[in-house]
C-alpha atoms as a PDB file:
ATOM      1  CA  UNK A   1     111.714 151.869  54.503  1.00  0.00           C
ATOM      2  CA  UNK A   2     114.723 153.191  56.341  1.00  0.00           C
ATOM      3  CA  UNK A   3     116.116 156.182  54.554  1.00  0.00           C
ATOM      4  CA  UNK A   4     119.030 158.184  55.833  1.00  0.00           C
ATOM      5  CA  UNK A   5     118.298 161.740  56.885  1.00  0.00           C
ATOM      6  CA  UNK A   6     119.336 164.314  54.310  1.00  0.00           C
ATOM      7  CA  UNK A   7     122.346 166.453  55.255  1.00  0.00           C
ATOM      8  CA  UNK A   8     120.293 169.490  56.281  1.00  0.00           C
ATOM      9  CA  UNK A   9     117.173 168.150  57.986  1.00  0.00           C
ATOM     10  CA  UNK A  10     116.658 165.432  60.556  1.00  0.00           C
ATOM     11  CA  UNK A  11     113.027 164.800  61.492  1.00  0.00           C
ATOM     12  CA  UNK A  12     111.943 163.435  64.828  1.00  0.00           C
ATOM     13  CA  UNK A  13     108.373 162.574  65.588  1.00  0.00           C
ATOM     14  CA  UNK A  14     106.049 162.426  68.615  1.00  0.00           C
ATOM     15  CA  UNK A  15     102.745 160.669  67.989  1.00  0.00           C
ATOM     16  CA  UNK A  16      99.631 159.768  69.929  1.00  0.00           C
ATOM     17  CA  UNK A  17      97.144 161.188  72.380  1.00  0.00           C
ATOM     18  CA  UNK A  18      99.008 163.916  74.245  1.00  0.00           C
ATOM     19  CA  UNK A  19      98.882 163.411  78.004  1.00  0.00           C
ATOM     20  CA  UNK A  20     101.124 164.563  80.855  1.00  0.00           C
ATOM     21  CA  UNK A  21     102.689 161.129  81.461  1.00  0.00           C
ATOM     22  CA  UNK A  22     103.993 161.057  77.871  1.00  0.00           C
ATOM     23  CA  UNK A  23     106.438 163.889  78.611  1.00  0.00           C
ATOM     24  CA  UNK A  24     105.824 166.122  75.604  1.00  0.00           C
ATOM     25  CA  UNK A  25     106.799 169.113  77.754  1.00  0.00           C
ATOM     26  CA  UNK A  26     110.258 167.532  78.133  1.00  0.00           C
ATOM     27  CA  UNK A  27     110.568 167.028  74.381  1.00  0.00           C
ATOM     28  CA  UNK A  28     109.615 170.653  73.720  1.00  0.00           C
ATOM     29  CA  UNK A  29     112.220 171.896  76.188  1.00  0.00           C
ATOM     30  CA  UNK A  30     115.011 169.495  75.146  1.00  0.00           C
ATOM     31  CA  UNK A  31     114.458 170.322  71.456  1.00  0.00           C
ATOM     32  CA  UNK A  32     114.590 174.053  72.056  1.00  0.00           C
ATOM     33  CA  UNK A  33     117.695 173.755  74.231  1.00  0.00           C
ATOM     34  CA  UNK A  34     119.364 171.753  71.475  1.00  0.00           C
ATOM     35  CA  UNK A  35     118.477 174.400  68.890  1.00  0.00           C
ATOM     36  CA  UNK A  36     119.673 177.169  71.229  1.00  0.00           C
ATOM     37  CA  UNK A  37     122.995 175.327  71.641  1.00  0.00           C
ATOM     38  CA  UNK A  38     123.625 175.785  67.916  1.00  0.00           C
ATOM     39  CA  UNK A  39     122.335 172.493  66.461  1.00  0.00           C
ATOM     40  CA  UNK A  40     119.963 173.636  63.743  1.00  0.00           C
ATOM     41  CA  UNK A  41     119.509 170.825  61.246  1.00  0.00           C
ATOM     42  CA  UNK A  42     116.477 169.145  62.798  1.00  0.00           C
ATOM     43  CA  UNK A  43     112.736 169.545  63.150  1.00  0.00           C
ATOM     44  CA  UNK A  44     110.240 167.960  65.515  1.00  0.00           C
ATOM     45  CA  UNK A  45     106.811 166.877  64.333  1.00  0.00           C
ATOM     46  CA  UNK A  46     104.052 166.488  66.914  1.00  0.00           C
ATOM     47  CA  UNK A  47     100.892 164.709  65.815  1.00  0.00           C
ATOM     48  CA  UNK A  48      98.041 163.786  68.106  1.00  0.00           C
ATOM     49  CA  UNK A  49      95.006 164.949  69.959  1.00  0.00           C
ATOM     50  CA  UNK A  50      95.248 167.010  73.131  1.00  0.00           C
ATOM     51  CA  UNK A  51      92.531 168.021  75.559  1.00  0.00           C
ATOM     52  CA  UNK A  52      93.989 171.519  76.119  1.00  0.00           C
ATOM     53  CA  UNK A  53      96.875 172.215  73.727  1.00  0.00           C
ATOM     54  CA  UNK A  54      96.739 175.979  74.196  1.00  0.00           C
ATOM     55  CA  UNK A  55      96.650 175.796  77.980  1.00  0.00           C
ATOM     56  CA  UNK A  56      99.096 172.943  78.507  1.00  0.00           C
ATOM     57  CA  UNK A  57     101.710 173.123  75.734  1.00  0.00           C
ATOM     58  CA  UNK A  58     101.491 176.047  73.290  1.00  0.00           C
ATOM     59  CA  UNK A  59     102.995 178.486  75.806  1.00  0.00           C
ATOM     60  CA  UNK A  60     106.058 176.222  76.207  1.00  0.00           C
ATOM     61  CA  UNK A  61     107.102 176.781  72.587  1.00  0.00           C
ATOM     62  CA  UNK A  62     109.753 179.508  72.268  1.00  0.00           C
ATOM     63  CA  UNK A  63     110.993 178.573  68.787  1.00  0.00           C
ATOM     64  CA  UNK A  64     107.854 177.829  66.761  1.00  0.00           C
ATOM     65  CA  UNK A  65     109.565 177.391  63.379  1.00  0.00           C
ATOM     66  CA  UNK A  66     111.265 174.157  64.514  1.00  0.00           C
ATOM     67  CA  UNK A  67     107.985 172.369  65.265  1.00  0.00           C
ATOM     68  CA  UNK A  68     105.552 170.879  62.774  1.00  0.00           C
ATOM     69  CA  UNK A  69     102.251 170.670  64.640  1.00  0.00           C
ATOM     70  CA  UNK A  70      99.322 168.470  63.749  1.00  0.00           C
ATOM     71  CA  UNK A  71      97.176 168.794  66.853  1.00  0.00           C
ATOM     72  CA  UNK A  72      93.961 166.825  66.651  1.00  0.00           C
ATOM     73  CA  UNK A  73      92.830 163.323  65.841  1.00  0.00           C
ATOM     74  CA  UNK A  74      95.066 161.714  63.216  1.00  0.00           C
ATOM     75  CA  UNK A  75      93.187 159.380  60.851  1.00  0.00           C
ATOM     76  CA  UNK A  76      94.642 155.877  60.529  1.00  0.00           C
ATOM     77  CA  UNK A  77      95.021 156.432  56.780  1.00  0.00           C
ATOM     78  CA  UNK A  78      97.591 159.182  57.490  1.00  0.00           C
ATOM     79  CA  UNK A  79      99.853 157.044  59.699  1.00  0.00           C
ATOM     80  CA  UNK A  80     101.963 155.478  56.938  1.00  0.00           C
ATOM     81  CA  UNK A  81     102.947 158.905  55.569  1.00  0.00           C
ATOM     82  CA  UNK A  82     103.650 160.288  59.046  1.00  0.00           C
ATOM     83  CA  UNK A  83     105.913 157.401  60.000  1.00  0.00           C
ATOM     84  CA  UNK A  84     107.612 157.217  56.598  1.00  0.00           C
ATOM     85  CA  UNK A  85     108.502 160.921  56.650  1.00  0.00           C
ATOM     86  CA  UNK A  86     110.183 160.784  60.083  1.00  0.00           C
ATOM     87  CA  UNK A  87     113.649 159.507  60.912  1.00  0.00           C
ATOM     88  CA  UNK A  88     113.150 158.957  64.654  1.00  0.00           C
ATOM     89  CA  UNK A  89     110.253 158.420  67.036  1.00  0.00           C
ATOM     90  CA  UNK A  90     110.759 160.212  70.357  1.00  0.00           C
ATOM     91  CA  UNK A  91     109.141 158.737  73.481  1.00  0.00           C
ATOM     92  CA  UNK A  92     109.974 160.905  76.526  1.00  0.00           C
ATOM     93  CA  UNK A  93     107.375 159.103  78.652  1.00  0.00           C
ATOM     94  CA  UNK A  94     107.352 159.313  82.432  1.00  0.00           C
ATOM     95  CA  UNK A  95     105.293 156.126  82.682  1.00  0.00           C
ATOM     96  CA  UNK A  96     104.268 153.338  80.294  1.00  0.00           C
ATOM     97  CA  UNK A  97     103.184 149.734  80.298  1.00  0.00           C
ATOM     98  CA  UNK A  98     103.093 149.411  76.518  1.00  0.00           C
ATOM     99  CA  UNK A  99     103.479 151.630  73.476  1.00  0.00           C
ATOM    100  CA  UNK A 100     101.489 151.541  70.270  1.00  0.00           C
ATOM    101  CA  UNK A 101     103.686 154.232  68.685  1.00  0.00           C
ATOM    102  CA  UNK A 102     106.838 152.187  69.396  1.00  0.00           C
ATOM    103  CA  UNK A 103     105.306 149.096  67.796  1.00  0.00           C
ATOM    104  CA  UNK A 104     104.403 151.149  64.737  1.00  0.00           C
ATOM    105  CA  UNK A 105     107.874 152.674  64.555  1.00  0.00           C
ATOM    106  CA  UNK A 106     109.398 149.200  64.636  1.00  0.00           C
ATOM    107  CA  UNK A 107     107.018 148.132  61.848  1.00  0.00           C
ATOM    108  CA  UNK A 108     108.187 151.107  59.757  1.00  0.00           C
ATOM    109  CA  UNK A 109     111.831 150.495  60.732  1.00  0.00           C
ATOM    110  CA  UNK A 110     112.225 153.808  62.531  1.00  0.00           C
ATOM    111  CA  UNK A 111     114.552 153.866  65.528  1.00  0.00           C
ATOM    112  CA  UNK A 112     113.335 155.483  68.739  1.00  0.00           C
ATOM    113  CA  UNK A 113     114.781 157.813  71.335  1.00  0.00           C
ATOM    114  CA  UNK A 114     112.997 156.641  74.471  1.00  0.00           C
ATOM    115  CA  UNK A 115     113.063 157.047  78.220  1.00  0.00           C
ATOM    116  CA  UNK A 116     114.490 154.101  80.158  1.00  0.00           C
ATOM    117  CA  UNK A 117     111.152 152.606  81.181  1.00  0.00           C
ATOM    118  CA  UNK A 118     110.904 148.793  81.183  1.00  0.00           C
ATOM    119  CA  UNK A 119     108.136 149.004  78.555  1.00  0.00           C
ATOM    120  CA  UNK A 120     110.693 150.456  76.109  1.00  0.00           C
ATOM    121  CA  UNK A 121     113.856 148.653  77.239  1.00  0.00           C
ATOM    122  CA  UNK A 122     112.156 145.360  76.473  1.00  0.00           C
ATOM    123  CA  UNK A 123     112.096 146.343  72.788  1.00  0.00           C
ATOM    124  CA  UNK A 124     115.118 148.614  72.300  1.00  0.00           C
ATOM    125  CA  UNK A 125     118.791 147.772  72.569  1.00  0.00           C
ATOM    126  CA  UNK A 126     120.685 150.886  73.657  1.00  0.00           C
ATOM    127  CA  UNK A 127     122.868 152.223  70.870  1.00  0.00           C
ATOM    128  CA  UNK A 128     122.000 149.307  68.575  1.00  0.00           C
ATOM    129  CA  UNK A 129     118.303 149.672  67.714  1.00  0.00           C
ATOM    130  CA  UNK A 130     117.547 152.954  69.474  1.00  0.00           C
ATOM    131  CA  UNK A 131     118.734 155.483  72.031  1.00  0.00           C
ATOM    132  CA  UNK A 132     117.685 155.529  75.686  1.00  0.00           C
ATOM    133  CA  UNK A 133     117.835 158.260  78.337  1.00  0.00           C
ATOM    134  CA  UNK A 134     116.860 158.538  82.010  1.00  0.00           C
ATOM    135  CA  UNK A 135     113.112 159.174  82.339  1.00  0.00           C
ATOM    136  CA  UNK A 136     112.392 162.754  83.376  1.00  0.00           C
ATOM    137  CA  UNK A 137     115.885 163.988  82.445  1.00  0.00           C
ATOM    138  CA  UNK A 138     115.548 166.845  79.935  1.00  0.00           C
ATOM    139  CA  UNK A 139     119.337 167.193  79.599  1.00  0.00           C
ATOM    140  CA  UNK A 140     119.634 163.460  78.933  1.00  0.00           C
ATOM    141  CA  UNK A 141     116.952 163.640  76.240  1.00  0.00           C
ATOM    142  CA  UNK A 142     118.682 166.657  74.687  1.00  0.00           C
ATOM    143  CA  UNK A 143     121.989 164.763  74.551  1.00  0.00           C
ATOM    144  CA  UNK A 144     120.441 161.665  72.959  1.00  0.00           C
ATOM    145  CA  UNK A 145     118.771 163.922  70.385  1.00  0.00           C
ATOM    146  CA  UNK A 146     122.158 165.560  69.758  1.00  0.00           C
ATOM    147  CA  UNK A 147     123.690 162.107  69.161  1.00  0.00           C
ATOM    148  CA  UNK A 148     120.887 161.249  66.757  1.00  0.00           C
ATOM    149  CA  UNK A 149     121.226 164.481  64.791  1.00  0.00           C
ATOM    150  CA  UNK A 150     125.016 164.266  64.574  1.00  0.00           C
ATOM    151  CA  UNK A 151     125.457 160.508  63.980  1.00  0.00           C
ATOM    152  CA  UNK A 152     125.336 160.894  60.211  1.00  0.00           C
ATOM    153  CA  UNK A 153     123.914 158.647  57.524  1.00  0.00           C
ATOM    154  CA  UNK A 154     126.206 155.671  58.114  1.00  0.00           C
ATOM    155  CA  UNK A 155     125.414 155.544  61.853  1.00  0.00           C
ATOM    156  CA  UNK A 156     121.701 155.933  61.184  1.00  0.00           C
ATOM    157  CA  UNK A 157     121.789 153.229  58.502  1.00  0.00           C
ATOM    158  CA  UNK A 158     123.548 150.829  60.927  1.00  0.00           C
ATOM    159  CA  UNK A 159     120.813 151.429  63.528  1.00  0.00           C
ATOM    160  CA  UNK A 160     118.069 150.824  60.946  1.00  0.00           C
ATOM    161  CA  UNK A 161     119.722 147.627  59.718  1.00  0.00           C
ATOM    162  CA  UNK A 162     120.080 146.314  63.284  1.00  0.00           C
ATOM    163  CA  UNK A 163     116.464 147.267  64.038  1.00  0.00           C
ATOM    164  CA  UNK A 164     115.169 145.430  60.950  1.00  0.00           C
ATOM    165  CA  UNK A 165     117.195 142.326  61.872  1.00  0.00           C
ATOM    166  CA  UNK A 166     115.958 142.446  65.474  1.00  0.00           C
ATOM    167  CA  UNK A 167     112.320 142.803  64.424  1.00  0.00           C
ATOM    168  CA  UNK A 168     112.710 139.896  61.984  1.00  0.00           C
ATOM    169  CA  UNK A 169     114.362 137.654  64.579  1.00  0.00           C
ATOM    170  CA  UNK A 170     111.877 138.376  67.384  1.00  0.00           C
ATOM    171  CA  UNK A 171     108.552 139.494  65.881  1.00  0.00           C
ATOM    172  CA  UNK A 172     108.206 138.083  62.374  1.00  0.00           C
ATOM    173  CA  UNK A 173     105.540 135.457  61.738  1.00  0.00           C
ATOM    174  CA  UNK A 174     108.296 132.830  61.478  1.00  0.00           C
ATOM    175  CA  UNK A 175     109.837 133.863  64.824  1.00  0.00           C
ATOM    176  CA  UNK A 176     106.484 133.939  66.629  1.00  0.00           C
ATOM    177  CA  UNK A 177     105.491 130.526  65.197  1.00  0.00           C
ATOM    178  CA  UNK A 178     108.841 129.059  66.319  1.00  0.00           C
ATOM    179  CA  UNK A 179     108.303 130.469  69.843  1.00  0.00           C
ATOM    180  CA  UNK A 180     104.842 128.906  70.056  1.00  0.00           C
ATOM    181  CA  UNK A 181     106.142 125.572  68.765  1.00  0.00           C
ATOM    182  CA  UNK A 182     108.883 125.595  71.415  1.00  0.00           C
ATOM    183  CA  UNK A 183     106.372 126.489  74.124  1.00  0.00           C
ATOM    184  CA  UNK A 184     104.131 123.574  73.117  1.00  0.00           C
ATOM    185  CA  UNK A 185     107.125 121.167  73.025  1.00  0.00           C
ATOM    186  CA  UNK A 186     108.078 122.235  76.562  1.00  0.00           C
ATOM    187  CA  UNK A 187     104.473 121.902  77.724  1.00  0.00           C
ATOM    188  CA  UNK A 188     104.268 118.417  76.223  1.00  0.00           C
ATOM    189  CA  UNK A 189     107.460 117.345  78.058  1.00  0.00           C
ATOM    190  CA  UNK A 190     106.011 118.472  81.382  1.00  0.00           C
ATOM    191  CA  UNK A 191     102.519 117.024  80.960  1.00  0.00           C
ATOM    192  CA  UNK A 192     101.854 113.834  82.928  1.00  0.00           C
ATOM    193  CA  UNK A 193     101.751 110.667  80.786  1.00  0.00           C
ATOM    194  CA  UNK A 194      98.426 108.849  80.746  1.00  0.00           C
END
């Protein structure tokens, strides 16, 4: 599931319905700044539907060859290939209460680069299972992307291993069943005796 990026190409991925609060404009800018700074061995794939791609985002792309665009509805059958082919999920959201893409990335053992919103910090451990930056900070996103691109195979493999262990310990069927059993034991202790 977790495969180290090849030496020459690191793929990051943005997925889902494209809306202003998801910060795709920040990802476009941070990616292009990183490329302009001389870091060239990465691509960014963007897959999802957008109400007005041409009016809202297309004009923000200065370096088109670094982006793989799949604008439109993505069939569920295509999700496994999309997630398997990426190395990182990027979530530059300005606001979030939950994240379907993050849950999927965890299922496919793909670390995330995410803004520091509580909805993401609940699931990611900074530097251990993902990378986190200040929401709305393009320079911060660029620097976390730089870290991801330059960390090398051994660093990436360590993150993937830690992510798999974390998912197993917190979200596996065994872990969830144990949590429910503990909750019921606690409830039983507090219930009045009849």
